[in-house]
N, C-alpha and C. Protein backbone atom coordinates (compact mmCIF):
# COMPACT_ATOMS: atom_id res chain seq x y z
N MET A 1 -2.19 -14.34 -11.02
CA MET A 1 -0.76 -13.52 -10.74
C MET A 1 -0.95 -13.59 -8.85
N ALA A 2 -2.13 -13.19 -8.57
CA ALA A 2 -1.96 -12.93 -7.44
C ALA A 2 -2.27 -14.05 -6.32
N ASN A 3 -2.44 -15.09 -7.06
CA ASN A 3 -2.85 -16.36 -6.45
C ASN A 3 -1.10 -16.90 -6.07
N GLU A 4 -0.33 -16.58 -6.52
CA GLU A 4 0.97 -16.74 -6.40
C GLU A 4 1.82 -15.92 -5.39
N LEU A 5 1.27 -14.87 -5.05
CA LEU A 5 1.93 -13.96 -4.06
C LEU A 5 2.04 -14.78 -2.89
N ARG A 6 2.96 -14.37 -1.84
CA ARG A 6 3.22 -15.06 -0.61
C ARG A 6 1.88 -15.01 0.11
N PHE A 7 0.98 -13.62 0.14
CA PHE A 7 0.09 -13.67 1.11
C PHE A 7 -0.99 -13.33 -0.09
N LYS A 8 -2.07 -14.35 -0.27
CA LYS A 8 -2.94 -14.33 -1.13
C LYS A 8 -3.96 -13.14 -0.89
N THR A 9 -4.10 -13.04 0.45
CA THR A 9 -5.33 -12.08 0.56
C THR A 9 -4.56 -11.09 1.74
N ALA A 10 -5.09 -9.95 1.87
CA ALA A 10 -4.88 -9.04 2.82
C ALA A 10 -4.87 -9.25 4.52
N ARG A 11 -5.74 -10.44 4.44
CA ARG A 11 -6.18 -11.11 5.90
C ARG A 11 -4.98 -12.28 6.32
N ASP A 12 -4.32 -12.94 4.96
CA ASP A 12 -3.36 -13.68 5.27
C ASP A 12 -2.39 -13.00 5.54
N LEU A 13 -1.90 -11.95 5.04
CA LEU A 13 -0.73 -10.95 5.70
C LEU A 13 -1.17 -10.68 6.83
N PHE A 14 -2.10 -9.93 7.37
CA PHE A 14 -2.34 -9.40 8.76
C PHE A 14 -2.00 -10.59 9.80
N MET A 15 -2.56 -11.91 9.12
CA MET A 15 -2.64 -12.97 10.36
C MET A 15 -0.78 -13.51 10.45
N ALA A 16 -0.21 -13.53 9.38
CA ALA A 16 1.07 -13.83 9.32
C ALA A 16 2.15 -12.84 9.97
N CYS A 17 1.32 -11.77 9.81
CA CYS A 17 2.48 -10.35 10.28
C CYS A 17 1.59 -9.62 11.03
N PRO A 18 1.50 -9.87 12.42
CA PRO A 18 0.46 -9.02 13.22
C PRO A 18 1.02 -7.54 13.44
N ALA A 19 2.16 -7.16 13.12
CA ALA A 19 2.71 -6.15 13.25
C ALA A 19 2.42 -5.04 12.36
N VAL A 20 1.73 -5.15 11.04
CA VAL A 20 1.14 -4.60 10.29
C VAL A 20 -0.01 -3.70 10.70
N ALA A 21 -0.25 -4.64 11.78
CA ALA A 21 -1.91 -3.94 12.28
C ALA A 21 -1.44 -2.31 12.92
N GLY A 22 -0.39 -2.72 13.51
CA GLY A 22 0.41 -1.43 14.45
C GLY A 22 0.71 -0.33 13.41
N ASP A 23 0.73 -0.70 12.33
CA ASP A 23 1.68 0.46 11.45
C ASP A 23 0.34 0.94 10.34
N MET A 24 -0.93 0.47 10.29
CA MET A 24 -2.15 0.72 9.44
C MET A 24 -3.22 0.69 10.50
N VAL A 25 -4.20 1.74 9.84
CA VAL A 25 -5.53 1.90 10.50
C VAL A 25 -6.48 0.76 9.69
N ALA A 26 -6.22 0.68 8.20
CA ALA A 26 -7.28 0.24 7.57
C ALA A 26 -7.30 -1.40 8.21
N PRO A 27 -8.46 -2.30 8.27
CA PRO A 27 -8.63 -3.62 8.53
C PRO A 27 -8.34 -4.33 7.26
N PRO A 28 -8.09 -5.37 7.69
CA PRO A 28 -7.83 -6.54 6.41
C PRO A 28 -9.08 -6.92 6.12
N THR A 29 -9.07 -7.56 4.85
CA THR A 29 -10.37 -7.84 4.35
C THR A 29 -10.03 -9.37 3.44
N GLU A 30 -10.61 -9.90 2.72
CA GLU A 30 -10.44 -11.20 2.34
C GLU A 30 -9.96 -10.57 0.70
N GLN A 31 -10.13 -9.52 0.37
CA GLN A 31 -9.38 -9.11 -0.98
C GLN A 31 -8.28 -9.59 -1.40
N PRO A 32 -7.95 -9.75 -2.49
CA PRO A 32 -6.22 -10.54 -2.96
C PRO A 32 -5.61 -9.10 -2.63
N SER A 33 -4.27 -9.52 -2.49
CA SER A 33 -3.49 -8.64 -1.78
C SER A 33 -3.22 -7.34 -2.61
N ILE A 34 -3.03 -7.64 -3.91
CA ILE A 34 -2.81 -6.75 -4.94
C ILE A 34 -4.14 -5.83 -4.81
N GLU A 35 -5.01 -6.50 -4.90
CA GLU A 35 -6.28 -5.54 -4.90
C GLU A 35 -6.54 -4.53 -3.43
N PHE A 36 -6.53 -5.22 -2.69
CA PHE A 36 -6.46 -4.51 -1.42
C PHE A 36 -5.10 -3.33 -1.47
N CYS A 37 -4.07 -3.40 -1.67
CA CYS A 37 -3.15 -2.29 -1.79
C CYS A 37 -3.62 -1.21 -2.99
N ARG A 38 -4.32 -1.66 -4.28
CA ARG A 38 -4.69 -0.58 -4.98
C ARG A 38 -5.96 0.16 -4.17
N ALA A 39 -7.02 -0.25 -3.47
CA ALA A 39 -7.90 0.05 -2.70
C ALA A 39 -7.50 0.88 -1.54
N LEU A 40 -6.24 0.88 -0.86
CA LEU A 40 -5.74 1.82 -0.07
C LEU A 40 -4.99 2.73 -0.81
N LEU A 41 -4.27 2.49 -1.71
CA LEU A 41 -4.01 3.88 -2.58
C LEU A 41 -4.94 4.86 -2.89
N ALA A 42 -5.89 4.05 -3.67
CA ALA A 42 -7.38 4.81 -3.88
C ALA A 42 -7.91 5.65 -2.71
N GLY A 43 -7.81 5.30 -1.55
CA GLY A 43 -8.62 5.47 -0.86
C GLY A 43 -8.32 7.14 0.30
N ARG A 44 -9.02 6.90 1.80
CA ARG A 44 -8.54 8.34 2.34
C ARG A 44 -7.11 8.38 2.67
N VAL A 45 -6.78 7.32 3.25
CA VAL A 45 -4.99 7.22 3.70
C VAL A 45 -4.17 6.51 2.73
N PRO A 46 -3.88 7.03 1.52
CA PRO A 46 -3.26 6.14 0.86
C PRO A 46 -1.77 6.03 0.98
N GLU A 47 -1.05 6.74 1.94
CA GLU A 47 0.21 6.39 2.38
C GLU A 47 -0.01 4.86 2.85
N GLU A 48 -0.95 4.22 3.36
CA GLU A 48 -1.12 2.71 4.00
C GLU A 48 -0.95 1.78 2.76
N ALA A 49 -0.90 2.20 1.64
CA ALA A 49 -0.46 1.37 0.62
C ALA A 49 0.98 0.85 0.47
N VAL A 50 1.65 2.51 0.99
CA VAL A 50 2.96 1.95 1.07
C VAL A 50 3.49 1.01 2.17
N THR A 51 2.77 1.14 3.35
CA THR A 51 2.61 0.44 4.15
C THR A 51 2.51 -1.14 3.96
N PHE A 52 1.58 -1.60 3.31
CA PHE A 52 1.17 -2.71 2.85
C PHE A 52 1.88 -3.19 2.01
N CYS A 53 2.82 -2.61 1.10
CA CYS A 53 3.64 -3.08 0.33
C CYS A 53 4.97 -3.35 0.70
N ALA A 54 5.25 -2.92 2.38
CA ALA A 54 6.51 -2.96 3.22
C ALA A 54 6.29 -4.15 3.47
N TYR A 55 5.31 -4.56 3.96
CA TYR A 55 4.86 -5.77 4.47
C TYR A 55 4.75 -6.82 3.77
N LEU A 56 4.16 -6.72 2.45
CA LEU A 56 3.91 -7.73 1.52
C LEU A 56 5.16 -8.36 0.59
N LEU A 57 6.04 -7.55 0.63
CA LEU A 57 7.47 -7.88 0.04
C LEU A 57 8.16 -8.71 1.02
N PRO A 58 8.94 -10.01 0.56
CA PRO A 58 9.76 -10.52 1.53
C PRO A 58 11.08 -9.44 1.63
N GLU A 59 11.59 -9.46 3.16
CA GLU A 59 12.66 -8.42 3.51
C GLU A 59 13.52 -8.20 2.48
N ARG A 60 14.16 -8.96 1.90
CA ARG A 60 15.28 -8.78 0.72
C ARG A 60 14.84 -7.85 -0.06
N ALA A 61 13.59 -8.34 -0.75
CA ALA A 61 12.80 -7.22 -1.80
C ALA A 61 12.41 -5.95 -1.19
N ALA A 62 12.10 -5.94 -0.03
CA ALA A 62 11.29 -4.86 0.55
C ALA A 62 12.45 -3.64 0.87
N VAL A 63 13.59 -4.42 1.44
CA VAL A 63 14.58 -3.12 1.29
C VAL A 63 15.44 -2.95 0.13
N TRP A 64 15.33 -3.72 -1.00
CA TRP A 64 15.38 -3.20 -2.05
C TRP A 64 14.61 -1.96 -2.85
N TRP A 65 13.41 -2.76 -2.91
CA TRP A 65 12.31 -1.56 -2.92
C TRP A 65 12.60 -0.22 -2.33
N ALA A 66 12.73 -0.30 -1.07
CA ALA A 66 12.79 0.97 -0.57
C ALA A 66 14.05 1.80 -0.82
N HIS A 67 15.10 1.07 -1.19
CA HIS A 67 16.40 1.83 -1.87
C HIS A 67 16.04 2.38 -2.95
N GLU A 68 15.07 1.63 -3.80
CA GLU A 68 14.84 2.33 -5.53
C GLU A 68 13.86 3.22 -5.25
N CYS A 69 13.03 3.27 -4.29
CA CYS A 69 12.26 4.57 -4.23
C CYS A 69 12.83 5.86 -3.67
N LEU A 70 13.82 5.57 -2.66
CA LEU A 70 14.60 6.58 -2.18
C LEU A 70 15.58 7.12 -3.39
N THR A 71 15.88 6.67 -4.31
CA THR A 71 16.95 6.67 -5.19
C THR A 71 16.35 7.65 -6.10
N GLN A 72 14.76 7.45 -6.49
CA GLN A 72 14.09 8.69 -7.07
C GLN A 72 14.21 9.79 -6.56
N LEU A 73 14.70 10.01 -5.25
CA LEU A 73 14.53 11.27 -4.54
C LEU A 73 15.81 11.76 -4.01
N THR A 74 16.76 11.37 -4.80
CA THR A 74 18.42 11.82 -4.41
C THR A 74 18.32 13.05 -4.45
N ASP A 75 17.43 14.30 -5.18
CA ASP A 75 17.97 15.53 -5.12
C ASP A 75 17.49 16.09 -3.64
N LEU A 76 16.47 15.14 -2.79
CA LEU A 76 15.96 15.93 -1.89
C LEU A 76 16.37 15.09 -0.48
N LEU A 77 17.64 14.45 -0.96
CA LEU A 77 18.62 13.83 0.50
C LEU A 77 19.92 14.19 0.45
N ASP A 78 20.22 14.17 1.72
CA ASP A 78 22.10 14.91 1.91
C ASP A 78 22.94 13.90 1.54
N SER A 79 24.17 14.44 1.40
CA SER A 79 25.20 13.35 1.12
C SER A 79 24.75 12.19 2.36
N GLY A 80 24.89 12.21 3.34
CA GLY A 80 24.75 11.35 4.35
C GLY A 80 23.84 9.89 3.94
N ASP A 81 22.60 10.54 3.67
CA ASP A 81 21.66 9.66 3.11
C ASP A 81 22.05 9.04 1.87
N GLN A 82 23.15 9.66 1.01
CA GLN A 82 23.05 9.04 -0.15
C GLN A 82 24.19 8.20 -0.22
N GLU A 83 24.98 8.27 0.91
CA GLU A 83 26.24 7.13 1.09
C GLU A 83 25.65 6.11 1.61
N LEU A 84 24.57 6.38 2.62
CA LEU A 84 23.57 5.10 3.28
C LEU A 84 23.00 4.26 2.32
N LEU A 85 22.44 5.17 1.13
CA LEU A 85 21.93 4.15 -0.05
C LEU A 85 22.95 3.62 -0.79
N ALA A 86 24.36 4.04 -0.90
CA ALA A 86 25.28 3.07 -1.53
C ALA A 86 25.20 2.04 -0.77
N LEU A 87 25.33 2.31 0.51
CA LEU A 87 25.87 1.00 1.49
C LEU A 87 24.38 0.06 1.25
N VAL A 88 23.47 0.39 1.45
CA VAL A 88 22.13 -0.57 1.29
C VAL A 88 22.36 -1.33 -0.11
N HIS A 89 22.61 -0.63 -1.37
CA HIS A 89 22.88 -1.11 -2.53
C HIS A 89 23.80 -2.54 -2.34
N GLU A 90 25.21 -1.97 -1.91
CA GLU A 90 26.14 -3.14 -1.80
C GLU A 90 25.42 -4.44 -0.92
N LEU A 91 25.12 -4.00 0.01
CA LEU A 91 24.43 -5.17 0.86
C LEU A 91 23.60 -6.06 0.45
N VAL A 92 22.63 -5.38 -0.50
CA VAL A 92 21.26 -5.98 -0.79
C VAL A 92 21.93 -6.85 -2.24
N SER A 93 23.04 -6.09 -2.60
CA SER A 93 23.60 -6.91 -4.16
C SER A 93 24.56 -8.14 -3.57
N GLN A 94 24.91 -8.50 -2.25
CA GLN A 94 25.46 -9.45 -1.88
C GLN A 94 24.69 -10.85 -1.69
N PRO A 95 25.25 -11.99 -1.85
CA PRO A 95 24.39 -13.14 -1.45
C PRO A 95 24.06 -13.26 -0.16
N TYR A 96 22.72 -14.35 0.12
CA TYR A 96 22.61 -14.12 1.43
C TYR A 96 23.29 -14.18 2.51
N GLY A 97 23.93 -15.38 2.30
CA GLY A 97 25.24 -15.78 3.47
C GLY A 97 26.18 -14.95 3.90
N HIS A 98 26.33 -13.66 2.93
CA HIS A 98 27.66 -13.07 3.07
C HIS A 98 27.66 -12.01 4.29
N HIS A 99 28.12 -11.61 5.27
CA HIS A 99 28.35 -10.91 6.42
C HIS A 99 28.48 -9.79 5.97
N HIS A 100 27.96 -8.61 6.81
CA HIS A 100 28.18 -7.16 6.03
C HIS A 100 28.93 -6.59 6.66
N GLY A 101 29.53 -5.75 6.49
CA GLY A 101 30.49 -4.91 7.46
C GLY A 101 30.30 -3.95 8.43
N ALA A 102 31.26 -3.81 9.06
CA ALA A 102 31.07 -2.73 10.14
C ALA A 102 30.28 -1.50 9.81
N GLU A 103 30.31 -0.97 8.84
CA GLU A 103 29.62 0.22 8.31
C GLU A 103 28.10 0.07 8.41
N VAL A 104 27.60 -1.15 8.10
CA VAL A 104 26.15 -1.67 8.34
C VAL A 104 26.06 -1.53 9.64
N SER A 105 26.53 -2.45 10.18
CA SER A 105 26.38 -2.56 11.88
C SER A 105 26.32 -1.16 12.63
N ARG A 106 27.31 -0.31 12.03
CA ARG A 106 27.29 1.30 12.60
C ARG A 106 25.94 2.07 12.32
N ALA A 107 25.52 1.83 10.94
CA ALA A 107 24.29 2.24 10.55
C ALA A 107 23.55 1.76 11.14
N ALA A 108 23.37 0.37 11.41
CA ALA A 108 22.00 -0.20 12.07
C ALA A 108 21.93 0.31 13.62
N ALA A 109 22.99 0.66 14.11
CA ALA A 109 23.08 1.18 15.69
C ALA A 109 22.95 2.63 15.88
N MET A 110 22.76 3.37 14.92
CA MET A 110 22.44 4.77 14.96
C MET A 110 20.73 4.84 14.79
N PRO A 111 20.38 5.74 15.93
CA PRO A 111 18.81 5.82 15.64
C PRO A 111 18.72 6.76 13.91
N PRO A 112 17.62 6.26 13.57
CA PRO A 112 17.04 6.41 12.31
C PRO A 112 16.45 7.84 12.25
N THR A 113 17.17 8.80 11.51
CA THR A 113 16.52 10.47 11.65
C THR A 113 16.28 10.71 10.28
N THR A 114 16.66 9.98 9.20
CA THR A 114 16.43 10.31 7.77
C THR A 114 16.08 8.89 7.23
N PRO A 115 15.36 9.33 5.83
CA PRO A 115 14.77 8.29 5.07
C PRO A 115 15.98 7.13 4.82
N ALA A 116 16.89 7.40 4.58
CA ALA A 116 18.30 6.23 4.31
C ALA A 116 18.50 6.02 5.71
N ALA A 117 18.66 6.34 6.46
CA ALA A 117 18.73 5.91 7.66
C ALA A 117 17.78 4.67 8.46
N TRP A 118 16.70 4.94 7.86
CA TRP A 118 15.77 3.94 7.94
C TRP A 118 15.89 2.90 7.28
N ILE A 119 16.25 2.94 6.05
CA ILE A 119 16.52 1.83 5.37
C ILE A 119 17.74 1.08 5.47
N ALA A 120 18.54 1.92 5.84
CA ALA A 120 19.89 1.12 6.34
C ALA A 120 19.66 0.22 7.55
N LEU A 121 18.49 0.73 8.69
CA LEU A 121 18.34 -0.25 9.78
C LEU A 121 17.48 -1.43 9.25
N ALA A 122 16.51 -1.43 8.05
CA ALA A 122 16.07 -2.44 7.75
C ALA A 122 16.99 -3.38 7.31
N ALA A 123 17.91 -2.98 6.40
CA ALA A 123 19.00 -3.79 6.06
C ALA A 123 19.91 -4.43 6.75
N GLY A 124 20.12 -3.75 7.93
CA GLY A 124 21.03 -4.51 8.93
C GLY A 124 20.20 -5.28 9.64
N TRP A 125 18.96 -5.08 10.06
CA TRP A 125 18.03 -6.13 10.66
C TRP A 125 18.00 -7.45 9.90
N ARG A 126 17.85 -6.86 8.51
CA ARG A 126 17.42 -8.18 7.46
C ARG A 126 18.72 -8.83 7.70
N GLY A 127 19.61 -8.60 7.85
CA GLY A 127 21.02 -9.08 7.75
C GLY A 127 21.62 -9.54 8.61
N SER A 128 20.96 -9.40 9.86
CA SER A 128 21.71 -9.74 11.01
C SER A 128 22.08 -10.95 11.50
N GLY A 129 23.10 -11.43 11.97
CA GLY A 129 23.54 -12.89 12.05
C GLY A 129 24.52 -12.94 12.94
N THR A 130 25.39 -12.05 13.07
CA THR A 130 26.68 -12.15 13.90
C THR A 130 26.50 -11.51 15.19
N ASP A 131 27.31 -12.13 16.15
CA ASP A 131 27.00 -11.27 17.56
C ASP A 131 26.98 -9.99 17.40
N THR A 132 28.23 -9.44 17.03
CA THR A 132 28.23 -7.94 16.74
C THR A 132 27.14 -7.33 16.01
N ASP A 133 26.48 -8.09 15.03
CA ASP A 133 25.61 -7.44 14.46
C ASP A 133 24.21 -7.49 15.39
N MET A 134 24.04 -8.25 15.72
CA MET A 134 23.06 -8.70 16.82
C MET A 134 22.68 -7.50 17.79
N ALA A 135 24.10 -7.22 18.52
CA ALA A 135 24.46 -6.54 19.57
C ALA A 135 24.02 -4.98 18.61
N ALA A 136 24.53 -4.37 17.87
CA ALA A 136 24.49 -3.36 17.14
C ALA A 136 22.93 -3.06 16.92
N ALA A 137 22.36 -4.23 16.50
CA ALA A 137 20.92 -3.92 16.08
C ALA A 137 19.85 -4.34 17.11
N SER A 138 20.01 -4.60 18.33
CA SER A 138 19.29 -5.10 19.47
C SER A 138 18.07 -4.24 19.64
N HIS A 139 18.08 -2.61 19.13
CA HIS A 139 16.99 -1.89 19.37
C HIS A 139 15.96 -2.02 18.36
N LEU A 140 16.22 -2.78 17.31
CA LEU A 140 15.69 -3.19 16.35
C LEU A 140 14.74 -4.40 16.81
N GLN A 141 14.78 -5.34 17.63
CA GLN A 141 14.12 -6.41 18.08
C GLN A 141 12.77 -6.38 18.17
N SER A 142 12.41 -4.95 18.86
CA SER A 142 10.80 -4.97 18.89
C SER A 142 10.17 -4.74 17.36
N PHE A 143 10.64 -4.60 16.22
CA PHE A 143 9.61 -4.43 15.22
C PHE A 143 10.81 -5.10 14.23
N PRO A 144 9.65 -5.49 12.96
CA PRO A 144 10.15 -5.95 11.96
C PRO A 144 10.65 -5.18 10.65
N ALA A 145 11.86 -5.35 10.05
CA ALA A 145 12.37 -4.71 8.95
C ALA A 145 11.18 -3.85 8.16
N ALA A 146 10.17 -4.57 7.93
CA ALA A 146 9.18 -3.82 7.00
C ALA A 146 8.87 -2.78 7.90
N HIS A 147 8.67 -2.47 9.42
CA HIS A 147 8.30 -1.43 9.54
C HIS A 147 9.56 -0.11 9.55
N ALA A 148 10.49 -0.45 9.17
CA ALA A 148 11.86 0.41 9.24
C ALA A 148 11.47 0.66 7.83
N VAL A 149 11.24 -0.17 6.72
CA VAL A 149 11.16 0.27 5.30
C VAL A 149 10.06 1.07 5.27
N ASN A 150 8.79 0.88 5.78
CA ASN A 150 8.13 1.57 5.62
C ASN A 150 8.13 3.11 6.18
N ALA A 151 8.96 3.09 7.28
CA ALA A 151 9.24 4.49 7.50
C ALA A 151 10.14 5.27 6.92
N GLY A 152 10.89 4.49 6.16
CA GLY A 152 11.85 5.22 5.18
C GLY A 152 11.26 5.53 4.24
N VAL A 153 10.41 4.91 3.77
CA VAL A 153 9.80 5.36 2.46
C VAL A 153 8.83 6.50 2.68
N LEU A 154 8.20 6.35 3.68
CA LEU A 154 7.27 7.36 3.97
C LEU A 154 7.99 8.69 4.65
N ALA A 155 9.32 8.59 5.13
CA ALA A 155 9.91 9.98 5.29
C ALA A 155 10.46 10.28 3.94
N GLY A 156 10.70 9.66 3.27
CA GLY A 156 11.09 10.17 1.88
C GLY A 156 9.97 10.80 1.21
N LEU A 157 8.87 10.33 1.19
CA LEU A 157 7.29 10.70 0.67
C LEU A 157 7.45 12.34 1.27
N ALA A 158 7.52 12.60 2.67
CA ALA A 158 7.51 13.54 3.14
C ALA A 158 8.17 14.85 2.62
N ARG A 159 9.49 14.54 1.93
CA ARG A 159 10.03 15.67 1.55
C ARG A 159 9.92 15.76 0.25
N VAL A 160 8.80 15.27 -0.20
CA VAL A 160 8.43 15.63 -1.70
C VAL A 160 7.15 16.90 -1.41
N ALA A 161 7.22 17.54 -2.53
CA ALA A 161 6.13 18.79 -2.73
C ALA A 161 5.00 18.24 -2.82
N LEU A 162 3.85 18.83 -1.80
CA LEU A 162 2.61 18.53 -1.59
C LEU A 162 1.75 18.28 -3.23
N ALA A 163 1.99 19.19 -4.07
CA ALA A 163 1.66 19.10 -5.49
C ALA A 163 2.06 17.64 -6.06
N ASP A 164 3.12 17.13 -5.62
CA ASP A 164 3.82 15.97 -6.41
C ASP A 164 3.64 14.90 -5.67
N ARG A 165 3.20 14.74 -4.56
CA ARG A 165 3.62 13.98 -3.47
C ARG A 165 2.70 12.59 -3.89
N PHE A 166 1.33 12.57 -4.22
CA PHE A 166 0.37 11.96 -4.95
C PHE A 166 1.11 10.89 -5.84
N SER A 167 1.32 11.46 -6.74
CA SER A 167 2.14 10.85 -8.05
C SER A 167 3.53 10.04 -7.90
N VAL A 168 4.06 10.83 -7.00
CA VAL A 168 5.44 9.90 -6.36
C VAL A 168 4.82 8.79 -5.75
N LEU A 169 3.59 8.88 -4.74
CA LEU A 169 3.38 7.72 -3.98
C LEU A 169 3.02 6.66 -4.86
N SER A 170 2.07 6.93 -5.83
CA SER A 170 1.50 6.36 -6.59
C SER A 170 2.65 5.28 -7.64
N ALA A 171 3.58 5.71 -8.09
CA ALA A 171 4.55 5.18 -8.65
C ALA A 171 5.26 4.48 -7.58
N PHE A 172 5.58 4.55 -6.30
CA PHE A 172 5.98 3.90 -5.39
C PHE A 172 5.28 2.70 -5.28
N VAL A 173 3.91 2.83 -5.00
CA VAL A 173 3.35 1.91 -4.88
C VAL A 173 3.15 0.69 -6.03
N GLU A 174 3.11 1.16 -7.11
CA GLU A 174 2.92 0.43 -8.32
C GLU A 174 4.31 -0.29 -8.66
N MET A 175 5.62 0.67 -8.11
CA MET A 175 6.68 -0.85 -8.22
C MET A 175 6.97 -1.62 -7.24
N GLY A 176 6.08 -1.15 -5.71
CA GLY A 176 6.14 -2.17 -5.12
C GLY A 176 5.36 -3.45 -5.55
N ILE A 177 3.90 -3.35 -6.20
CA ILE A 177 3.29 -4.21 -6.34
C ILE A 177 4.05 -5.15 -7.36
N GLN A 178 4.61 -4.30 -8.80
CA GLN A 178 5.37 -5.03 -9.69
C GLN A 178 6.61 -6.13 -8.83
N MET A 179 7.10 -5.40 -7.79
CA MET A 179 8.09 -6.23 -7.20
C MET A 179 7.65 -7.51 -6.59
N ALA A 180 6.54 -7.46 -6.15
CA ALA A 180 5.76 -8.39 -5.52
C ALA A 180 5.28 -9.43 -6.27
N GLU A 181 4.85 -9.03 -7.81
CA GLU A 181 4.64 -9.86 -8.63
C GLU A 181 5.73 -10.44 -9.27
N ILE A 182 6.78 -9.80 -9.16
CA ILE A 182 8.17 -10.42 -10.06
C ILE A 182 8.66 -11.45 -8.69
N GLU A 183 8.64 -11.22 -7.61
CA GLU A 183 8.77 -12.31 -6.36
C GLU A 183 8.10 -13.33 -6.60
N ALA A 184 6.74 -13.57 -6.90
CA ALA A 184 5.88 -14.37 -6.76
C ALA A 184 6.14 -15.44 -7.95
N LEU A 185 6.75 -14.81 -9.08
CA LEU A 185 7.21 -15.32 -10.61
C LEU A 185 8.47 -16.37 -9.92
N HIS A 186 9.04 -15.57 -9.20
CA HIS A 186 10.48 -16.49 -8.75
C HIS A 186 10.52 -17.46 -8.17
N GLN A 187 9.62 -17.37 -7.23
CA GLN A 187 9.01 -18.33 -5.84
C GLN A 187 8.37 -19.58 -6.90
N SER A 188 7.40 -19.05 -7.62
CA SER A 188 6.97 -20.16 -8.52
C SER A 188 7.98 -20.96 -9.13
N ALA A 189 8.71 -20.10 -9.99
CA ALA A 189 10.05 -20.95 -10.86
C ALA A 189 10.90 -21.89 -10.02
N ASP A 190 10.90 -21.48 -8.67
CA ASP A 190 12.08 -22.00 -7.65
C ASP A 190 11.21 -23.34 -7.23
N ALA A 191 9.78 -23.21 -7.55
CA ALA A 191 9.09 -24.70 -7.00
C ALA A 191 9.25 -25.63 -7.80
N TYR A 192 9.40 -25.39 -9.04
CA TYR A 192 9.43 -26.61 -10.24
C TYR A 192 10.97 -27.09 -10.30
């Protein structure tokens, strides 16, 4: 399965997405991407496995993954974050070419201060295409959507009790790995 991922090795991902080096301390290796991700999870800074997943997944899948992670934490999120998650769900459920509404543009234009705000930022960046969307998301130009996905998931994890944090982090990373494998299967099927 790992051979079908969009980045065969960790080094491939770092070469294609240099911004990941700004979000991680771990240097890339020639390990297959999934092995590298699991090694990060077992390493000294397991949160870097979340970062790696954010960059490993295609943008749309990364936003959906972050949405799914945060929906596991709804009891730790306020009503504003829950509204933003509903908006992200609506956006990611729409076809690629669909223009998103003013709500997403407004969400993307606000400074991200909560976990779901980061994910809305990533969703707005991912889908930006109109002049209005681009103007609203201009502050996003300096980093990829994966950066916002990473920040949102890690901000959500920061709200989890310390005693539960590693198990929640592990579940998020395993979900990210499964999504990467599913994306690889879809891409493989589309190639035929």
